[in-house]
N, C-alpha and C. Protein backbone atom coordinates (compact mmCIF):
# COMPACT_ATOMS: atom_id res chain seq x y z
N UNK A 1 112.91 63.25 111.96
CA UNK A 1 113.63 63.66 110.78
C UNK A 1 112.73 63.63 109.53
N UNK A 2 111.93 62.54 109.45
CA UNK A 2 111.02 62.44 108.31
C UNK A 2 109.98 63.55 108.33
N UNK A 3 109.55 63.95 109.53
CA UNK A 3 108.56 65.02 109.63
C UNK A 3 109.13 66.34 109.09
N UNK A 4 110.38 66.64 109.47
CA UNK A 4 111.03 67.86 108.97
C UNK A 4 111.16 67.80 107.46
N UNK A 5 111.56 66.65 106.94
CA UNK A 5 111.69 66.49 105.49
C UNK A 5 110.34 66.66 104.80
N UNK A 6 109.27 66.10 105.41
CA UNK A 6 107.93 66.25 104.84
C UNK A 6 107.50 67.70 104.83
N UNK A 7 107.80 68.43 105.90
CA UNK A 7 107.45 69.85 105.97
C UNK A 7 108.22 70.61 104.90
N UNK A 8 109.52 70.31 104.75
CA UNK A 8 110.32 70.99 103.73
C UNK A 8 109.75 70.72 102.34
N UNK A 9 109.37 69.47 102.07
CA UNK A 9 108.80 69.14 100.76
C UNK A 9 107.48 69.86 100.56
N UNK A 10 106.66 69.96 101.62
CA UNK A 10 105.39 70.66 101.52
C UNK A 10 105.62 72.14 101.22
N UNK A 11 106.62 72.74 101.86
CA UNK A 11 106.92 74.14 101.62
C UNK A 11 107.37 74.38 100.19
N UNK A 12 108.24 73.51 99.70
CA UNK A 12 108.69 73.66 98.31
C UNK A 12 107.51 73.53 97.35
N UNK A 13 106.65 72.54 97.61
CA UNK A 13 105.47 72.35 96.78
C UNK A 13 104.57 73.58 96.85
N UNK A 14 104.35 74.10 98.07
CA UNK A 14 103.50 75.28 98.25
C UNK A 14 104.06 76.48 97.50
N UNK A 15 105.39 76.66 97.57
CA UNK A 15 106.02 77.78 96.87
C UNK A 15 105.84 77.63 95.36
N UNK A 16 105.97 76.40 94.86
CA UNK A 16 105.79 76.14 93.43
C UNK A 16 104.35 76.43 93.02
N UNK A 17 103.40 75.96 93.81
CA UNK A 17 101.99 76.19 93.51
C UNK A 17 101.69 77.69 93.53
N UNK A 18 102.25 78.40 94.52
CA UNK A 18 102.02 79.85 94.61
C UNK A 18 102.58 80.55 93.38
N UNK A 19 103.77 80.18 92.94
CA UNK A 19 104.38 80.78 91.76
C UNK A 19 103.50 80.53 90.53
N UNK A 20 103.04 79.29 90.37
CA UNK A 20 102.17 78.98 89.24
C UNK A 20 100.85 79.73 89.33
N UNK A 21 100.30 79.83 90.54
CA UNK A 21 99.04 80.54 90.75
C UNK A 21 99.20 82.02 90.41
N UNK A 22 100.30 82.63 90.86
CA UNK A 22 100.54 84.05 90.58
C UNK A 22 100.68 84.28 89.08
N UNK A 23 101.41 83.38 88.41
CA UNK A 23 101.57 83.51 86.96
C UNK A 23 100.25 83.36 86.23
N UNK A 24 99.46 82.38 86.66
CA UNK A 24 98.15 82.17 86.03
C UNK A 24 97.24 83.37 86.28
N UNK A 25 97.28 83.91 87.49
CA UNK A 25 96.46 85.09 87.80
C UNK A 25 96.85 86.27 86.92
N UNK A 26 98.14 86.44 86.69
CA UNK A 26 98.61 87.55 85.85
C UNK A 26 98.14 87.36 84.41
N UNK A 27 98.22 86.13 83.94
CA UNK A 27 97.79 85.86 82.56
C UNK A 27 96.28 86.06 82.43
N UNK A 28 95.51 85.51 83.39
CA UNK A 28 94.06 85.66 83.34
C UNK A 28 93.63 87.11 83.48
N UNK A 29 94.42 87.89 84.22
CA UNK A 29 94.09 89.30 84.39
C UNK A 29 94.45 90.11 83.16
N UNK A 30 95.12 89.47 82.20
CA UNK A 30 95.48 90.17 80.97
C UNK A 30 96.68 91.08 81.15
N UNK A 31 97.53 90.77 82.12
CA UNK A 31 98.70 91.62 82.34
C UNK A 31 99.63 91.53 81.15
N UNK A 32 100.13 92.66 80.78
CA UNK A 32 101.11 92.75 79.71
C UNK A 32 102.18 93.71 80.16
N UNK A 33 103.32 93.56 79.63
CA UNK A 33 104.39 94.49 79.96
C UNK A 33 104.07 95.85 79.36
N UNK A 34 104.24 96.89 80.16
CA UNK A 34 104.05 98.23 79.63
C UNK A 34 105.40 98.85 79.29
N UNK A 35 106.45 98.07 79.44
CA UNK A 35 107.79 98.59 79.15
C UNK A 35 108.03 98.59 77.65
N UNK A 36 108.62 99.66 77.16
CA UNK A 36 108.96 99.74 75.74
C UNK A 36 110.20 98.91 75.43
N UNK A 37 111.13 98.90 76.35
CA UNK A 37 112.34 98.09 76.23
C UNK A 37 112.59 97.45 77.58
N UNK A 38 113.40 96.40 77.65
CA UNK A 38 113.65 95.75 78.93
C UNK A 38 114.26 96.68 79.98
N UNK A 39 114.86 97.80 79.58
CA UNK A 39 115.48 98.70 80.56
C UNK A 39 114.49 99.71 81.14
N UNK A 40 113.32 99.86 80.51
CA UNK A 40 112.30 100.75 81.06
C UNK A 40 111.69 100.10 82.30
N UNK A 41 111.45 100.91 83.31
CA UNK A 41 110.83 100.42 84.54
C UNK A 41 109.46 101.07 84.68
N UNK A 42 108.39 100.30 84.49
CA UNK A 42 107.04 100.89 84.53
C UNK A 42 106.55 101.21 85.94
N UNK A 43 107.29 100.76 86.95
CA UNK A 43 106.88 101.05 88.32
C UNK A 43 108.11 101.09 89.22
N UNK A 44 107.92 101.70 90.38
CA UNK A 44 108.99 101.71 91.40
C UNK A 44 108.42 101.09 92.67
N UNK A 45 109.30 100.56 93.49
CA UNK A 45 108.90 99.92 94.74
C UNK A 45 109.68 100.58 95.88
N UNK A 46 108.96 101.03 96.88
CA UNK A 46 109.58 101.60 98.08
C UNK A 46 109.05 100.84 99.28
N UNK A 47 109.97 100.38 100.13
CA UNK A 47 109.54 99.65 101.32
C UNK A 47 109.96 100.41 102.58
N UNK A 48 109.18 100.21 103.65
CA UNK A 48 109.47 100.85 104.92
C UNK A 48 108.88 99.98 106.03
N UNK A 49 109.19 100.33 107.25
CA UNK A 49 108.63 99.65 108.41
C UNK A 49 108.41 100.67 109.51
N UNK A 50 107.50 100.37 110.42
CA UNK A 50 107.22 101.30 111.50
C UNK A 50 108.38 101.37 112.49
N UNK A 51 109.09 100.27 112.67
CA UNK A 51 110.19 100.24 113.64
C UNK A 51 111.45 99.69 112.99
N UNK A 52 112.53 100.42 113.10
CA UNK A 52 113.81 99.97 112.55
C UNK A 52 114.48 98.96 113.48
N UNK A 53 113.99 98.89 114.71
CA UNK A 53 114.53 97.96 115.69
C UNK A 53 113.36 97.18 116.29
N UNK A 54 113.49 95.85 116.32
CA UNK A 54 112.44 94.99 116.85
C UNK A 54 113.04 93.94 117.78
N UNK A 55 112.22 93.43 118.67
CA UNK A 55 112.65 92.34 119.54
C UNK A 55 112.65 91.04 118.75
N UNK A 56 113.48 90.11 119.18
CA UNK A 56 113.67 88.86 118.45
C UNK A 56 112.37 88.08 118.24
N UNK A 57 111.40 88.23 119.10
CA UNK A 57 110.16 87.47 118.96
C UNK A 57 109.07 88.26 118.22
N UNK A 58 109.38 89.45 117.79
CA UNK A 58 108.38 90.32 117.17
C UNK A 58 108.13 89.96 115.71
N UNK A 59 106.92 90.31 115.26
CA UNK A 59 106.55 90.17 113.86
C UNK A 59 107.21 91.31 113.08
N UNK A 60 107.77 91.02 111.93
CA UNK A 60 108.36 92.07 111.09
C UNK A 60 107.46 92.24 109.87
N UNK A 61 106.77 93.38 109.85
CA UNK A 61 105.87 93.70 108.75
C UNK A 61 106.50 94.81 107.92
N UNK A 62 106.46 94.66 106.61
CA UNK A 62 107.04 95.62 105.68
C UNK A 62 105.90 96.29 104.91
N UNK A 63 105.92 97.62 104.90
CA UNK A 63 104.95 98.38 104.11
C UNK A 63 105.52 98.55 102.71
N UNK A 64 104.66 98.39 101.73
CA UNK A 64 105.08 98.45 100.32
C UNK A 64 104.30 99.55 99.61
N UNK A 65 105.05 100.37 98.86
CA UNK A 65 104.43 101.35 97.97
C UNK A 65 104.91 101.05 96.56
N UNK A 66 103.99 100.72 95.68
CA UNK A 66 104.31 100.47 94.28
C UNK A 66 103.71 101.61 93.49
N UNK A 67 104.57 102.37 92.80
CA UNK A 67 104.13 103.57 92.05
C UNK A 67 104.24 103.33 90.56
N UNK A 68 103.17 103.62 89.83
CA UNK A 68 103.17 103.51 88.37
C UNK A 68 103.97 104.69 87.81
N UNK A 69 105.14 104.40 87.26
CA UNK A 69 106.00 105.44 86.69
C UNK A 69 105.88 105.51 85.17
N UNK A 70 104.97 104.71 84.61
CA UNK A 70 104.79 104.70 83.16
C UNK A 70 103.72 105.72 82.76
N UNK A 71 103.47 105.81 81.47
CA UNK A 71 102.42 106.69 80.98
C UNK A 71 101.17 105.90 80.56
N UNK A 72 101.06 104.66 81.07
CA UNK A 72 99.93 103.79 80.76
C UNK A 72 99.34 103.22 82.05
N UNK A 73 98.09 102.76 81.97
CA UNK A 73 97.50 102.05 83.11
C UNK A 73 98.33 100.79 83.39
N UNK A 74 98.40 100.45 84.66
CA UNK A 74 99.18 99.29 85.09
C UNK A 74 98.29 98.40 85.94
N UNK A 75 98.16 97.13 85.55
CA UNK A 75 97.39 96.17 86.34
C UNK A 75 98.33 95.56 87.37
N UNK A 76 97.98 95.71 88.63
CA UNK A 76 98.81 95.20 89.72
C UNK A 76 98.03 94.10 90.41
N UNK A 77 98.57 92.89 90.40
CA UNK A 77 97.95 91.77 91.10
C UNK A 77 98.79 91.40 92.31
N UNK A 78 98.14 90.90 93.32
CA UNK A 78 98.83 90.43 94.52
C UNK A 78 98.25 89.08 94.90
N UNK A 79 99.10 88.21 95.37
CA UNK A 79 98.69 86.89 95.84
C UNK A 79 99.24 86.75 97.25
N UNK A 80 98.35 86.71 98.23
CA UNK A 80 98.76 86.62 99.63
C UNK A 80 98.58 85.21 100.13
N UNK A 81 99.59 84.72 100.84
CA UNK A 81 99.44 83.46 101.53
C UNK A 81 100.02 83.64 102.94
N UNK A 82 99.16 83.48 103.90
CA UNK A 82 99.52 83.61 105.32
C UNK A 82 100.26 84.92 105.62
N UNK A 83 99.77 86.04 105.08
CA UNK A 83 100.36 87.35 105.37
C UNK A 83 101.55 87.73 104.52
N UNK A 84 101.96 86.86 103.63
CA UNK A 84 103.11 87.14 102.76
C UNK A 84 102.58 87.45 101.37
N UNK A 85 103.01 88.57 100.81
CA UNK A 85 102.61 88.93 99.44
C UNK A 85 103.55 88.19 98.49
N UNK A 86 103.05 87.12 97.90
CA UNK A 86 103.84 86.29 97.00
C UNK A 86 104.14 86.94 95.66
N UNK A 87 103.64 88.15 95.42
CA UNK A 87 103.94 88.87 94.19
C UNK A 87 105.37 89.40 94.20
N UNK A 88 105.96 89.42 95.38
CA UNK A 88 107.32 89.94 95.56
C UNK A 88 108.25 88.82 95.98
N UNK A 89 109.47 88.89 95.51
CA UNK A 89 110.52 88.01 96.00
C UNK A 89 111.20 88.74 97.15
N UNK A 90 111.32 88.07 98.27
CA UNK A 90 111.96 88.67 99.44
C UNK A 90 113.40 88.19 99.53
N UNK A 91 114.29 89.12 99.81
CA UNK A 91 115.69 88.77 100.08
C UNK A 91 116.06 89.36 101.41
N UNK A 92 116.60 88.53 102.29
CA UNK A 92 117.04 88.98 103.60
C UNK A 92 118.50 88.58 103.75
N UNK A 93 119.34 89.57 104.07
CA UNK A 93 120.77 89.33 104.29
C UNK A 93 121.14 89.71 105.71
N UNK A 94 122.12 89.00 106.27
CA UNK A 94 122.61 89.37 107.59
C UNK A 94 123.62 90.51 107.45
N UNK A 95 124.18 90.97 108.57
CA UNK A 95 125.09 92.13 108.53
C UNK A 95 126.36 91.87 107.73
N UNK A 96 126.69 90.59 107.49
CA UNK A 96 127.87 90.25 106.70
C UNK A 96 127.55 90.09 105.22
N UNK A 97 126.29 90.31 104.85
CA UNK A 97 125.90 90.20 103.45
C UNK A 97 125.48 88.80 103.05
N UNK A 98 125.47 87.85 104.00
CA UNK A 98 125.06 86.48 103.69
C UNK A 98 123.55 86.39 103.59
N UNK A 99 123.09 85.65 102.61
CA UNK A 99 121.65 85.45 102.42
C UNK A 99 121.12 84.59 103.56
N UNK A 100 120.04 85.04 104.18
CA UNK A 100 119.39 84.27 105.24
C UNK A 100 118.46 83.27 104.57
N UNK A 101 118.59 82.02 104.96
CA UNK A 101 117.76 80.97 104.37
C UNK A 101 116.32 81.08 104.88
N UNK A 102 115.34 80.80 104.03
CA UNK A 102 113.95 80.81 104.49
C UNK A 102 113.75 79.79 105.62
N UNK A 103 112.88 80.12 106.55
CA UNK A 103 112.58 79.25 107.68
C UNK A 103 111.64 78.14 107.23
N UNK A 104 111.66 77.04 107.96
CA UNK A 104 110.71 75.96 107.72
C UNK A 104 109.41 76.37 108.39
N UNK A 105 108.37 76.48 107.59
CA UNK A 105 107.06 76.91 108.09
C UNK A 105 106.19 75.70 108.35
N UNK A 106 105.33 75.85 109.34
CA UNK A 106 104.38 74.79 109.65
C UNK A 106 102.97 75.36 109.63
N UNK A 107 102.02 74.49 109.47
CA UNK A 107 100.63 74.93 109.49
C UNK A 107 100.05 74.99 108.10
N UNK A 108 98.78 75.34 108.04
CA UNK A 108 98.07 75.42 106.77
C UNK A 108 98.40 76.69 106.03
N UNK A 109 97.94 76.75 104.81
CA UNK A 109 98.18 77.92 103.97
C UNK A 109 96.84 78.49 103.54
N UNK A 110 96.68 79.79 103.74
CA UNK A 110 95.47 80.46 103.26
C UNK A 110 95.87 81.39 102.12
N UNK A 111 95.10 81.36 101.05
CA UNK A 111 95.39 82.17 99.87
C UNK A 111 94.33 83.24 99.68
N UNK A 112 94.80 84.41 99.23
CA UNK A 112 93.90 85.52 98.90
C UNK A 112 94.54 86.29 97.76
N UNK A 113 93.74 86.73 96.81
CA UNK A 113 94.28 87.51 95.69
C UNK A 113 93.62 88.88 95.66
N UNK A 114 94.33 89.81 95.06
CA UNK A 114 93.81 91.17 94.90
C UNK A 114 94.30 91.71 93.56
N UNK A 115 93.50 92.59 92.96
CA UNK A 115 93.86 93.19 91.67
C UNK A 115 93.49 94.66 91.72
N UNK A 116 94.37 95.49 91.17
CA UNK A 116 94.14 96.93 91.17
C UNK A 116 94.69 97.49 89.86
N UNK A 117 94.00 98.50 89.32
CA UNK A 117 94.50 99.19 88.13
C UNK A 117 95.01 100.55 88.58
N UNK A 118 96.28 100.82 88.28
CA UNK A 118 96.90 102.10 88.64
C UNK A 118 97.04 102.96 87.39
N UNK A 119 96.53 104.17 87.49
CA UNK A 119 96.73 105.16 86.43
C UNK A 119 98.16 105.67 86.54
N UNK A 120 98.70 106.29 85.48
CA UNK A 120 100.05 106.85 85.57
C UNK A 120 100.20 107.77 86.78
N UNK A 121 101.25 107.57 87.55
CA UNK A 121 101.52 108.39 88.72
C UNK A 121 100.86 107.91 90.00
N UNK A 122 99.89 106.99 89.90
CA UNK A 122 99.21 106.50 91.10
C UNK A 122 100.07 105.49 91.86
N UNK A 123 99.74 105.33 93.15
CA UNK A 123 100.49 104.45 94.03
C UNK A 123 99.57 103.43 94.68
N UNK A 124 100.00 102.18 94.70
CA UNK A 124 99.29 101.13 95.44
C UNK A 124 100.07 100.89 96.73
N UNK A 125 99.34 100.68 97.80
CA UNK A 125 99.98 100.42 99.09
C UNK A 125 99.61 99.02 99.54
N UNK A 126 100.57 98.35 100.14
CA UNK A 126 100.34 97.00 100.63
C UNK A 126 101.26 96.69 101.79
N UNK A 127 101.21 95.46 102.22
CA UNK A 127 102.05 95.04 103.34
C UNK A 127 102.39 93.57 103.14
N UNK A 128 103.57 93.20 103.58
CA UNK A 128 103.96 91.80 103.58
C UNK A 128 104.71 91.53 104.88
N UNK A 129 104.70 90.30 105.29
CA UNK A 129 105.36 89.92 106.53
C UNK A 129 106.63 89.13 106.20
N UNK A 130 107.67 89.44 106.92
CA UNK A 130 108.96 88.77 106.72
C UNK A 130 109.13 87.62 107.70
N UNK A 131 108.68 87.83 108.94
CA UNK A 131 108.90 86.87 110.02
C UNK A 131 108.41 85.45 109.72
N UNK A 132 107.25 85.26 109.10
CA UNK A 132 106.84 83.87 108.87
C UNK A 132 107.76 83.11 107.92
N UNK A 133 108.43 83.84 107.05
CA UNK A 133 109.25 83.18 106.05
C UNK A 133 110.73 83.10 106.44
N UNK A 134 111.17 84.01 107.28
CA UNK A 134 112.58 84.03 107.67
C UNK A 134 112.70 84.02 109.19
N UNK A 135 113.65 83.25 109.69
CA UNK A 135 113.89 83.19 111.12
C UNK A 135 114.76 84.38 111.52
N UNK A 136 114.13 85.38 112.11
CA UNK A 136 114.86 86.56 112.56
C UNK A 136 114.92 86.58 114.08
N UNK A 137 115.07 85.40 114.68
CA UNK A 137 115.11 85.30 116.14
C UNK A 137 116.49 85.60 116.70
N UNK A 138 117.50 85.59 115.86
CA UNK A 138 118.86 85.88 116.33
C UNK A 138 119.10 87.38 116.30
N UNK A 139 119.57 87.95 117.42
CA UNK A 139 119.88 89.39 117.43
C UNK A 139 120.91 89.73 116.36
N UNK A 140 120.78 90.90 115.79
CA UNK A 140 121.71 91.35 114.76
C UNK A 140 121.05 92.30 113.80
N UNK A 141 121.81 92.66 112.79
CA UNK A 141 121.30 93.56 111.75
C UNK A 141 120.98 92.75 110.51
N UNK A 142 119.84 93.08 109.90
CA UNK A 142 119.39 92.41 108.69
C UNK A 142 119.04 93.46 107.65
N UNK A 143 119.27 93.12 106.38
CA UNK A 143 118.91 94.01 105.28
C UNK A 143 117.87 93.28 104.43
N UNK A 144 116.75 93.95 104.20
CA UNK A 144 115.63 93.37 103.46
C UNK A 144 115.43 94.13 102.17
N UNK A 145 115.22 93.39 101.08
CA UNK A 145 114.91 94.00 99.79
C UNK A 145 113.87 93.14 99.10
N UNK A 146 112.92 93.79 98.46
CA UNK A 146 111.90 93.09 97.68
C UNK A 146 112.13 93.34 96.20
N UNK A 147 111.70 92.41 95.38
CA UNK A 147 111.72 92.62 93.93
C UNK A 147 110.44 92.02 93.36
N UNK A 148 110.10 92.51 92.18
CA UNK A 148 108.87 92.07 91.52
C UNK A 148 109.11 92.03 90.02
N UNK A 149 108.64 90.99 89.34
CA UNK A 149 108.80 90.93 87.88
C UNK A 149 108.05 92.08 87.21
N UNK A 150 108.61 92.59 86.14
CA UNK A 150 107.95 93.64 85.37
C UNK A 150 106.73 93.08 84.65
N UNK A 151 106.84 91.85 84.18
CA UNK A 151 105.70 91.21 83.49
C UNK A 151 105.85 89.70 83.64
N UNK A 152 105.00 88.97 82.95
CA UNK A 152 105.12 87.51 82.98
C UNK A 152 106.22 87.02 82.04
N UNK A 153 106.86 87.91 81.30
CA UNK A 153 107.98 87.55 80.43
C UNK A 153 109.29 87.79 81.18
N UNK A 154 110.03 86.73 81.53
CA UNK A 154 111.27 86.88 82.30
C UNK A 154 112.30 87.81 81.63
N UNK A 155 112.23 87.96 80.31
CA UNK A 155 113.18 88.83 79.61
C UNK A 155 112.99 90.30 80.00
N UNK A 156 111.81 90.65 80.51
CA UNK A 156 111.55 92.04 80.91
C UNK A 156 112.27 92.41 82.21
N UNK A 157 112.69 91.41 82.96
CA UNK A 157 113.44 91.67 84.19
C UNK A 157 112.56 91.94 85.40
N UNK A 158 113.18 92.50 86.42
CA UNK A 158 112.49 92.79 87.68
C UNK A 158 112.79 94.22 88.11
N UNK A 159 111.95 94.71 89.01
CA UNK A 159 112.20 95.99 89.66
C UNK A 159 112.51 95.67 91.11
N UNK A 160 113.58 96.26 91.63
CA UNK A 160 113.97 96.05 93.02
C UNK A 160 113.62 97.27 93.86
N UNK A 161 113.28 97.00 95.10
CA UNK A 161 112.98 98.06 96.05
C UNK A 161 114.27 98.63 96.63
N UNK A 162 114.10 99.66 97.45
CA UNK A 162 115.20 100.14 98.26
C UNK A 162 115.56 99.05 99.27
N UNK A 163 116.72 99.18 99.90
CA UNK A 163 117.13 98.22 100.93
C UNK A 163 116.74 98.80 102.29
N UNK A 164 116.18 97.94 103.13
CA UNK A 164 115.69 98.34 104.43
C UNK A 164 116.50 97.63 105.51
N UNK A 165 117.06 98.38 106.44
CA UNK A 165 117.88 97.81 107.50
C UNK A 165 117.01 97.66 108.77
N UNK A 166 117.02 96.45 109.32
CA UNK A 166 116.27 96.14 110.55
C UNK A 166 117.28 95.62 111.58
N UNK A 167 117.16 96.10 112.80
CA UNK A 167 117.98 95.59 113.90
C UNK A 167 117.11 94.75 114.81
N UNK A 168 117.52 93.52 115.04
CA UNK A 168 116.80 92.61 115.93
C UNK A 168 117.55 92.58 117.26
N UNK A 169 116.84 92.88 118.34
CA UNK A 169 117.44 92.90 119.68
C UNK A 169 116.91 91.72 120.50
N UNK A 170 117.68 91.30 121.53
CA UNK A 170 117.22 90.16 122.35
C UNK A 170 115.94 90.47 123.10
């Protein structure tokens, strides 16, 4: 029981460190909001996957397209830890609309960062993994959506992706 609690505490700490690291990376990169008002969306997010149906033991990888919809250059940073792009908040719901709780992860954490400047109209492509963070071993339908902050100022809000439906089979 103590081991599970220690793992949970380590995961919470890791998530906090990742959030702080991503924020610091954005500040150091000189990211600023390109939105004129909080309702302007300087980018759009589209997600997809190669297979809409996967086996319960399969890895679920999500392809991400982030498109600069503004008329200014956009600095896009990414912080990866163990295949998960921490620049995005992942939401996974079951077929009844209930939020799926993140899984307890074990093992070490590897960090990698990336930075890209997108001209107006350009698209950045990336990938993130859902399986390490969420237990999708139970057969059923799941809906996945990603979101990303517009800037380091929470008042600017977030941009949400389309919703992606995945069916997990035994």
